[in-house]
Amino acid sequence: MVVIRLSRGGAKKRPFFNIVATDSRNRRDGRFIERVGFYNPVASGAETSLSVNAERLAYWQQQGAQLSPTVARLVKQGAKAAA
């Protein structure tokens, strides 16, 4: 099954997450199909903390991909902030 979830990157104590579409059997930071966006929880100032390609996210959901609970929360927050 295809899952849209977070993949961790960044340095120690400076997390950075890519939002990726991946097979659910792959490791968290392993191989993925497509990068859909990113989330930077420690963004400050003019830096963007969340960016999601809504078009590609909708495409993957139409193909049957499931959002992880955290990604679902972030997408909801992003839509609320954009409105």
N, C-alpha and C. Protein backbone atom coordinates (compact mmCIF):
# COMPACT_ATOMS: atom_id res chain seq x y z
N MET A 1 0.84 -1.17 0.00
CA MET A 1 0.00 0.00 0.00
C MET A 1 0.89 1.25 0.00
N VAL A 2 0.47 2.25 -0.73
CA VAL A 2 1.21 3.52 -0.77
C VAL A 2 0.76 4.39 0.39
N VAL A 3 1.73 4.96 1.08
CA VAL A 3 1.48 5.81 2.25
C VAL A 3 2.19 7.14 2.03
N ILE A 4 1.54 8.21 2.45
CA ILE A 4 2.18 9.53 2.42
C ILE A 4 2.56 9.84 3.86
N ARG A 5 3.87 9.93 4.11
CA ARG A 5 4.36 10.10 5.47
C ARG A 5 5.60 10.99 5.49
N LEU A 6 6.12 11.22 6.70
CA LEU A 6 7.31 12.05 6.87
C LEU A 6 8.56 11.20 6.80
N SER A 7 9.59 11.76 6.19
CA SER A 7 10.90 11.14 6.13
C SER A 7 11.87 12.14 6.75
N ARG A 8 12.57 11.73 7.79
CA ARG A 8 13.40 12.67 8.55
C ARG A 8 14.75 12.91 7.89
N GLY A 9 15.16 14.15 7.94
CA GLY A 9 16.49 14.54 7.49
C GLY A 9 16.99 15.62 8.43
N GLY A 10 18.03 16.31 8.04
CA GLY A 10 18.56 17.37 8.88
C GLY A 10 19.60 16.86 9.85
N ALA A 11 20.14 17.78 10.60
CA ALA A 11 21.20 17.46 11.55
C ALA A 11 20.62 17.11 12.92
N LYS A 12 21.49 16.68 13.79
CA LYS A 12 21.10 16.38 15.16
C LYS A 12 20.55 17.65 15.80
N LYS A 13 19.41 17.53 16.44
CA LYS A 13 18.72 18.64 17.11
C LYS A 13 18.18 19.69 16.13
N ARG A 14 18.28 19.45 14.82
CA ARG A 14 17.75 20.37 13.79
C ARG A 14 16.95 19.55 12.78
N PRO A 15 15.79 19.03 13.17
CA PRO A 15 15.05 18.14 12.27
C PRO A 15 14.50 18.86 11.05
N PHE A 16 14.40 18.12 9.97
CA PHE A 16 13.79 18.58 8.73
C PHE A 16 13.11 17.36 8.12
N PHE A 17 11.86 17.50 7.75
CA PHE A 17 11.11 16.36 7.26
C PHE A 17 10.65 16.58 5.82
N ASN A 18 10.85 15.57 4.98
CA ASN A 18 10.27 15.55 3.65
C ASN A 18 8.95 14.80 3.73
N ILE A 19 7.94 15.29 3.04
CA ILE A 19 6.67 14.58 2.95
C ILE A 19 6.75 13.77 1.67
N VAL A 20 6.72 12.44 1.80
CA VAL A 20 6.95 11.57 0.66
C VAL A 20 5.84 10.55 0.49
N ALA A 21 5.65 10.12 -0.76
CA ALA A 21 4.78 8.99 -1.07
C ALA A 21 5.69 7.78 -1.19
N THR A 22 5.40 6.74 -0.43
CA THR A 22 6.26 5.57 -0.39
C THR A 22 5.45 4.31 -0.15
N ASP A 23 6.05 3.18 -0.43
CA ASP A 23 5.43 1.89 -0.11
C ASP A 23 5.50 1.72 1.41
N SER A 24 4.45 1.24 2.00
CA SER A 24 4.40 1.14 3.46
C SER A 24 5.44 0.18 4.03
N ARG A 25 5.97 -0.72 3.20
CA ARG A 25 6.96 -1.69 3.69
C ARG A 25 8.37 -1.12 3.73
N ASN A 26 8.60 0.03 3.11
CA ASN A 26 9.93 0.64 3.12
C ASN A 26 10.21 1.31 4.46
N ARG A 27 11.50 1.48 4.75
CA ARG A 27 11.90 2.14 5.99
C ARG A 27 11.52 3.61 5.97
N ARG A 28 11.47 4.20 7.14
CA ARG A 28 11.05 5.60 7.26
C ARG A 28 11.87 6.53 6.37
N ASP A 29 13.18 6.40 6.41
CA ASP A 29 14.05 7.29 5.63
C ASP A 29 14.58 6.60 4.38
N GLY A 30 13.99 5.49 4.01
CA GLY A 30 14.47 4.71 2.87
C GLY A 30 13.91 5.20 1.55
N ARG A 31 13.80 4.26 0.62
CA ARG A 31 13.37 4.57 -0.74
C ARG A 31 11.94 5.11 -0.74
N PHE A 32 11.68 6.09 -1.62
CA PHE A 32 10.34 6.63 -1.76
C PHE A 32 10.03 6.83 -3.23
N ILE A 33 8.75 6.98 -3.54
CA ILE A 33 8.30 7.13 -4.92
C ILE A 33 8.41 8.59 -5.36
N GLU A 34 7.90 9.49 -4.53
CA GLU A 34 7.88 10.91 -4.91
C GLU A 34 7.88 11.78 -3.67
N ARG A 35 8.58 12.91 -3.76
CA ARG A 35 8.58 13.91 -2.69
C ARG A 35 7.42 14.87 -2.97
N VAL A 36 6.52 14.99 -2.01
CA VAL A 36 5.31 15.79 -2.18
C VAL A 36 5.44 17.16 -1.53
N GLY A 37 6.34 17.30 -0.56
CA GLY A 37 6.51 18.57 0.12
C GLY A 37 7.53 18.44 1.23
N PHE A 38 7.55 19.44 2.12
CA PHE A 38 8.46 19.38 3.26
C PHE A 38 7.84 20.07 4.46
N TYR A 39 8.40 19.75 5.64
CA TYR A 39 7.99 20.36 6.90
C TYR A 39 9.24 20.67 7.71
N ASN A 40 9.39 21.92 8.11
CA ASN A 40 10.53 22.35 8.90
C ASN A 40 10.02 22.87 10.24
N PRO A 41 10.04 22.04 11.29
CA PRO A 41 9.47 22.46 12.57
C PRO A 41 10.26 23.54 13.29
N VAL A 42 11.51 23.76 12.91
CA VAL A 42 12.32 24.78 13.59
C VAL A 42 12.55 26.01 12.71
N ALA A 43 11.66 26.23 11.74
CA ALA A 43 11.79 27.40 10.87
C ALA A 43 11.61 28.67 11.69
N SER A 44 12.41 29.67 11.36
CA SER A 44 12.31 30.93 12.07
C SER A 44 12.34 32.08 11.08
N GLY A 45 11.74 33.18 11.47
CA GLY A 45 11.75 34.36 10.62
C GLY A 45 10.97 34.17 9.34
N ALA A 46 11.61 34.46 8.20
CA ALA A 46 10.95 34.41 6.90
C ALA A 46 10.98 33.02 6.27
N GLU A 47 11.58 32.05 6.96
CA GLU A 47 11.66 30.69 6.41
C GLU A 47 10.26 30.06 6.36
N THR A 48 10.05 29.23 5.36
CA THR A 48 8.78 28.52 5.23
C THR A 48 8.84 27.25 6.06
N SER A 49 7.82 27.04 6.90
CA SER A 49 7.84 25.85 7.74
C SER A 49 7.12 24.67 7.10
N LEU A 50 6.18 24.94 6.21
CA LEU A 50 5.43 23.85 5.58
C LEU A 50 5.14 24.18 4.13
N SER A 51 5.43 23.25 3.26
CA SER A 51 5.14 23.40 1.84
C SER A 51 4.66 22.05 1.32
N VAL A 52 3.45 22.04 0.74
CA VAL A 52 2.88 20.81 0.20
C VAL A 52 2.36 21.09 -1.20
N ASN A 53 2.71 20.21 -2.14
CA ASN A 53 2.18 20.30 -3.50
C ASN A 53 0.80 19.65 -3.48
N ALA A 54 -0.25 20.46 -3.35
CA ALA A 54 -1.61 19.96 -3.19
C ALA A 54 -2.07 19.14 -4.38
N GLU A 55 -1.61 19.52 -5.56
CA GLU A 55 -1.97 18.79 -6.78
C GLU A 55 -1.49 17.34 -6.73
N ARG A 56 -0.23 17.16 -6.37
CA ARG A 56 0.33 15.80 -6.30
C ARG A 56 -0.24 15.02 -5.12
N LEU A 57 -0.52 15.72 -4.02
CA LEU A 57 -1.13 15.06 -2.87
C LEU A 57 -2.51 14.51 -3.24
N ALA A 58 -3.30 15.31 -3.95
CA ALA A 58 -4.62 14.86 -4.40
C ALA A 58 -4.50 13.69 -5.36
N TYR A 59 -3.49 13.74 -6.24
CA TYR A 59 -3.29 12.64 -7.19
C TYR A 59 -3.04 11.33 -6.44
N TRP A 60 -2.15 11.36 -5.46
CA TRP A 60 -1.82 10.14 -4.73
C TRP A 60 -3.00 9.64 -3.92
N GLN A 61 -3.80 10.53 -3.39
CA GLN A 61 -4.98 10.11 -2.65
C GLN A 61 -6.00 9.46 -3.58
N GLN A 62 -6.12 9.96 -4.81
CA GLN A 62 -7.01 9.34 -5.80
C GLN A 62 -6.52 7.95 -6.18
N GLN A 63 -5.21 7.73 -6.11
CA GLN A 63 -4.65 6.43 -6.43
C GLN A 63 -4.76 5.45 -5.26
N GLY A 64 -5.28 5.92 -4.12
CA GLY A 64 -5.50 5.04 -2.98
C GLY A 64 -4.48 5.18 -1.86
N ALA A 65 -3.62 6.19 -1.94
CA ALA A 65 -2.62 6.38 -0.89
C ALA A 65 -3.29 6.87 0.39
N GLN A 66 -2.77 6.41 1.52
CA GLN A 66 -3.28 6.82 2.83
C GLN A 66 -2.32 7.83 3.45
N LEU A 67 -2.87 8.85 4.10
CA LEU A 67 -2.04 9.82 4.82
C LEU A 67 -1.75 9.29 6.21
N SER A 68 -0.52 9.51 6.67
CA SER A 68 -0.22 9.17 8.06
C SER A 68 -0.94 10.20 8.93
N PRO A 69 -1.20 9.89 10.19
CA PRO A 69 -1.90 10.85 11.07
C PRO A 69 -1.20 12.20 11.16
N THR A 70 0.12 12.20 11.22
CA THR A 70 0.88 13.45 11.33
C THR A 70 0.76 14.27 10.05
N VAL A 71 0.88 13.62 8.90
CA VAL A 71 0.76 14.34 7.63
C VAL A 71 -0.65 14.89 7.47
N ALA A 72 -1.65 14.13 7.87
CA ALA A 72 -3.04 14.61 7.78
C ALA A 72 -3.21 15.87 8.62
N ARG A 73 -2.62 15.88 9.82
CA ARG A 73 -2.70 17.05 10.70
C ARG A 73 -1.99 18.25 10.07
N LEU A 74 -0.81 18.02 9.48
CA LEU A 74 -0.05 19.10 8.86
C LEU A 74 -0.78 19.68 7.65
N VAL A 75 -1.36 18.81 6.84
CA VAL A 75 -2.09 19.26 5.65
C VAL A 75 -3.30 20.11 6.07
N LYS A 76 -3.97 19.67 7.12
CA LYS A 76 -5.10 20.42 7.64
C LYS A 76 -4.67 21.79 8.15
N GLN A 77 -3.54 21.84 8.87
CA GLN A 77 -3.00 23.11 9.35
C GLN A 77 -2.61 24.02 8.19
N GLY A 78 -1.98 23.44 7.17
CA GLY A 78 -1.56 24.22 6.01
C GLY A 78 -2.73 24.81 5.26
N ALA A 79 -3.81 24.05 5.12
CA ALA A 79 -5.00 24.54 4.44
C ALA A 79 -5.65 25.66 5.25
N LYS A 80 -5.64 25.49 6.57
CA LYS A 80 -6.22 26.50 7.46
C LYS A 80 -5.42 27.80 7.40
N ALA A 81 -4.09 27.69 7.35
CA ALA A 81 -3.22 28.87 7.29
C ALA A 81 -3.34 29.60 5.95
N ALA A 82 -3.55 28.82 4.89
CA ALA A 82 -3.65 29.40 3.55
C ALA A 82 -4.98 30.15 3.37
N ALA A 83 -5.99 29.73 4.10
CA ALA A 83 -7.33 30.36 3.95
C ALA A 83 -7.45 31.67 4.67
